[in-house]
Protein backbone atom coordinates (compact mmCIF):
# COMPACT_ATOMS: atom_id res chain seq x y z
CA MET A 1 14.02 -8.25 7.41
CA ALA A 2 14.93 -10.51 4.60
CA GLY A 3 16.92 -11.07 1.42
CA MET A 4 20.48 -10.04 2.28
CA PRO A 5 23.30 -12.05 0.65
CA GLU A 6 24.35 -12.35 -2.96
CA ARG A 7 21.87 -14.23 -5.09
CA VAL A 8 22.40 -17.99 -5.22
CA GLU A 9 20.88 -20.08 -7.97
CA GLY A 10 19.12 -23.26 -6.93
CA ASP A 11 15.93 -25.27 -7.17
CA ALA A 12 12.79 -23.18 -7.29
CA ASP A 13 10.77 -23.15 -4.08
CA ALA A 14 7.80 -25.50 -4.18
CA GLY A 15 5.57 -23.07 -2.27
CA ALA A 16 4.56 -21.00 -5.29
CA LEU A 17 5.14 -23.48 -8.08
CA ARG A 18 2.23 -25.28 -9.71
CA ARG A 19 4.50 -28.27 -10.28
CA MET A 20 8.03 -29.07 -9.20
CA PRO A 21 10.62 -29.60 -11.95
CA THR A 22 12.24 -33.00 -11.49
CA GLN A 23 14.61 -33.23 -14.43
CA GLN A 24 17.70 -31.07 -14.85
CA ARG A 25 16.40 -29.58 -18.09
CA SER A 26 13.12 -28.62 -16.43
CA ARG A 27 14.90 -27.04 -13.48
CA GLU A 28 17.07 -25.03 -15.85
CA ARG A 29 13.96 -23.90 -17.71
CA VAL A 30 12.32 -22.70 -14.50
CA GLU A 31 15.51 -20.86 -13.52
CA ARG A 32 15.53 -19.18 -16.92
CA MET A 33 11.93 -18.09 -16.46
CA LEU A 34 12.75 -16.56 -13.09
CA ARG A 35 15.85 -14.81 -14.41
CA CYS A 36 13.85 -13.28 -17.25
CA ALA A 37 11.10 -12.22 -14.85
CA SER A 38 13.75 -10.57 -12.67
CA GLU A 39 15.14 -8.73 -15.68
CA LEU A 40 11.69 -7.41 -16.55
CA ILE A 41 11.05 -6.34 -12.97
CA THR A 42 14.42 -4.58 -12.88
CA ALA A 43 13.64 -2.75 -16.11
CA ASP A 44 10.03 -1.69 -15.58
CA GLY A 45 8.75 -2.99 -12.24
CA SER A 46 6.48 -5.90 -11.37
CA ASP A 47 3.29 -4.06 -12.37
CA ALA A 48 4.49 -3.88 -15.98
CA MET A 49 5.69 -7.49 -16.09
CA ARG A 50 3.57 -9.66 -18.40
CA MET A 51 3.53 -13.45 -18.43
CA SER A 52 3.69 -13.44 -22.23
CA GLU A 53 6.87 -11.34 -22.12
CA VAL A 54 8.46 -13.65 -19.55
CA ALA A 55 7.72 -16.61 -21.81
CA ARG A 56 9.11 -14.82 -24.86
CA LEU A 57 12.36 -13.81 -23.17
CA ALA A 58 12.79 -17.27 -21.64
CA GLY A 59 12.26 -18.93 -25.03
CA VAL A 60 9.34 -21.07 -23.86
CA SER A 61 5.69 -21.27 -24.81
CA ILE A 62 3.17 -19.48 -22.63
CA GLY A 63 1.69 -22.91 -21.87
CA SER A 64 5.06 -24.10 -20.56
CA LEU A 65 5.30 -21.05 -18.32
CA TYR A 66 1.80 -21.64 -16.92
CA GLN A 67 2.73 -25.25 -16.18
CA TYR A 68 4.98 -23.94 -13.43
CA PHE A 69 3.62 -20.48 -12.59
CA PRO A 70 -0.18 -20.08 -12.73
CA ASP A 71 0.03 -16.27 -12.58
CA LYS A 72 2.32 -13.31 -11.99
CA SER A 73 1.83 -13.53 -8.23
CA ALA A 74 3.33 -17.02 -8.27
CA ILE A 75 6.51 -15.67 -9.83
CA ILE A 76 6.72 -12.84 -7.32
CA ARG A 77 6.06 -15.25 -4.46
CA THR A 78 8.79 -17.61 -5.64
CA LEU A 79 11.28 -14.75 -5.77
CA ALA A 80 10.11 -13.50 -2.36
CA GLU A 81 10.47 -16.95 -0.81
CA ARG A 82 14.02 -17.18 -2.10
CA TYR A 83 14.94 -13.76 -0.74
CA ASP A 84 13.36 -14.69 2.59
CA ALA A 85 15.33 -17.94 2.81
CA GLU A 86 18.57 -16.19 1.91
CA GLY A 87 17.81 -13.43 4.38
CA ARG A 88 17.17 -15.88 7.22
CA ALA A 89 20.45 -17.62 6.49
CA CYS A 90 22.25 -14.29 6.61
CA ILE A 91 20.55 -13.26 9.86
CA GLU A 92 21.31 -16.62 11.43
CA GLU A 93 24.95 -16.33 10.43
CA GLY A 94 25.20 -12.70 11.53
CA LEU A 95 23.78 -13.41 15.00
CA ALA A 96 25.29 -16.84 15.58
CA GLY A 97 28.49 -15.72 17.26
CA VAL A 98 27.13 -13.01 19.55
CA LYS A 99 27.73 -13.59 23.26
CA THR A 100 27.06 -10.19 24.81
CA LEU A 101 24.44 -7.48 24.43
CA ASP A 102 27.01 -5.15 22.87
CA GLU A 103 27.91 -7.80 20.29
CA LEU A 104 24.23 -8.38 19.55
CA CYS A 105 23.59 -4.68 18.99
CA GLU A 106 26.64 -4.33 16.77
CA ALA A 107 25.72 -7.39 14.69
CA PHE A 108 22.09 -6.34 14.30
CA GLY A 109 23.07 -2.82 13.33
CA LYS A 110 25.27 -4.24 10.58
CA LEU A 111 22.41 -6.42 9.32
CA ILE A 112 20.18 -3.34 9.06
CA ASP A 113 22.84 -1.56 6.99
CA ILE A 114 23.28 -4.58 4.71
CA TYR A 115 19.54 -4.88 4.11
CA TYR A 116 19.14 -1.20 3.35
CA GLY A 117 22.07 -1.41 0.95
CA LEU A 118 20.31 -4.23 -0.91
CA PHE A 119 17.09 -2.23 -1.16
CA LEU A 120 19.07 0.61 -2.68
CA SER A 121 21.08 -1.50 -5.11
CA GLU A 122 18.75 -4.38 -6.04
CA PRO A 123 15.63 -3.22 -7.93
CA VAL A 124 14.15 -6.72 -7.90
CA ILE A 125 14.22 -7.04 -4.12
CA ARG A 126 12.85 -3.52 -3.77
CA ASP A 127 10.00 -4.09 -6.22
CA VAL A 128 9.10 -7.56 -4.93
CA ARG A 129 8.84 -6.24 -1.37
CA THR A 130 6.61 -3.40 -2.52
CA ALA A 131 4.45 -5.70 -4.68
CA MET A 132 3.79 -7.95 -1.69
CA LEU A 133 1.61 -5.25 -0.13
CA ALA A 134 -0.98 -5.57 -2.88
CA ASP A 135 -1.66 -9.29 -2.45
CA LYS A 136 -3.02 -10.80 0.79
CA THR A 137 -1.24 -14.11 0.25
CA LEU A 138 2.04 -12.29 -0.25
CA ARG A 139 1.38 -10.05 2.76
CA ASP A 140 0.81 -13.17 4.85
CA LEU A 141 4.06 -14.57 3.51
CA GLU A 142 5.93 -11.46 4.61
CA VAL A 143 4.38 -11.60 8.09
CA GLU A 144 5.43 -15.23 8.42
CA GLY A 145 8.94 -14.32 7.26
CA SER A 146 9.13 -11.58 9.89
CA ARG A 147 7.93 -14.04 12.51
CA ARG A 148 10.65 -16.53 11.61
CA ASN A 149 13.32 -13.84 11.55
CA GLY A 150 12.00 -12.60 14.88
CA THR A 151 12.52 -16.08 16.30
CA LEU A 152 16.19 -15.91 15.32
CA LEU A 153 16.54 -12.51 16.98
CA ALA A 154 14.68 -13.63 20.12
CA GLN A 155 16.97 -16.65 20.43
CA ALA A 156 20.00 -14.37 20.23
CA MET A 157 18.44 -12.05 22.82
CA GLN A 158 18.01 -14.96 25.21
CA ARG A 159 21.50 -16.23 24.49
CA VAL A 160 23.16 -12.97 25.52
CA GLY A 161 21.24 -12.92 28.80
CA LEU A 162 18.25 -10.65 28.25
CA LYS A 163 16.02 -11.38 31.24
CA ALA A 164 12.57 -10.45 29.97
CA ASP A 165 9.83 -13.04 29.72
CA PRO A 166 10.45 -15.26 26.63
CA GLN A 167 7.02 -14.40 25.23
CA ALA A 168 7.75 -10.69 25.62
CA LEU A 169 11.13 -11.14 23.93
CA ALA A 170 9.49 -12.98 21.04
CA MET A 171 6.92 -10.21 20.57
CA SER A 172 9.59 -7.52 20.72
CA ALA A 173 11.79 -9.34 18.20
CA PHE A 174 8.85 -9.95 15.84
CA THR A 175 7.92 -6.26 16.00
CA ILE A 176 11.49 -5.14 15.32
CA MET A 177 11.78 -7.41 12.29
CA HIS A 178 8.45 -6.54 10.70
CA LEU A 179 8.87 -2.83 11.32
CA GLY A 180 12.19 -3.09 9.50
CA GLU A 181 10.42 -4.18 6.31
CA ASP A 182 8.06 -1.20 6.47
CA ILE A 183 10.88 1.23 7.18
CA MET A 184 12.90 0.00 4.20
CA ARG A 185 9.94 0.50 1.87
CA LEU A 186 9.39 3.99 3.26
CA ALA A 187 13.10 4.86 3.04
CA ILE A 188 13.32 4.11 -0.68
CA SER A 189 10.13 6.06 -1.44
CA VAL A 190 11.60 9.39 -0.31
CA GLU A 191 14.73 11.36 -1.15
CA ARG A 192 17.95 9.53 -0.34
CA ALA A 193 18.99 11.83 2.52
CA GLU A 194 15.63 11.43 4.21
CA GLY A 195 15.71 7.68 3.59
CA ASP A 196 19.12 7.42 5.22
CA ALA A 197 17.82 9.36 8.21
CA LEU A 198 14.77 7.10 8.51
CA VAL A 199 16.91 3.97 8.55
CA GLU A 200 19.22 5.50 11.16
CA ALA A 201 16.18 6.41 13.29
CA TYR A 202 14.87 2.85 12.98
CA LYS A 203 18.27 1.49 13.93
CA ARG A 204 18.38 3.65 17.06
CA MET A 205 14.87 2.55 18.06
CA ALA A 206 15.60 -1.12 17.41
CA LEU A 207 18.86 -1.09 19.36
CA SER A 208 17.22 0.87 22.17
CA GLU A 209 14.51 -1.79 22.39
CA LEU A 210 17.16 -4.51 22.59
CA ARG A 211 18.90 -2.71 25.45
CA ARG A 212 15.62 -1.87 27.18
CA THR A 213 14.86 -5.56 27.72
CA TYR A 214 18.17 -6.17 29.53
């Protein structure tokens, strides 16, 4: 799971950028491009977003936009990387204080609810996560994000005294995290009542898996 706290403005991630902005004015321009792209995604989805429209709304030339983002996927990846980083920070904070299995289960259950709430309320996060399925590079990025988030969960599992083999814990945590992404996408593609039930079912399975390894 990823992308949980309130959005925080900052330097664009270098991973998807063609060039890194070094001057304050350039950084502000890149932020403006990303804000406008987010507005377009919110309004009509990532499929309908056009680079020319991003440039127009941001008040920059199309050439200036391409200096930083070579294509639409680069914009989506930059947004996804930010949500992933914010999500990891939230997961790390949420699990940091747990000392018992009960505390771990309670904290992880709350993180699931927070993430589902963001999928429901934040069209950009929802659309970016869905768009990642159509691009292998972005799919690989999501898998890596799940792996990193799984590491945080596995560390918490070890900290509270789960006695399974560390490699087995790591695999279990990775599976729980990546399955969470798929469940969220499924939950928002169906009627709300069914989506709520799917997330609750996932939560029960995830918490059962945590307790099973004790």
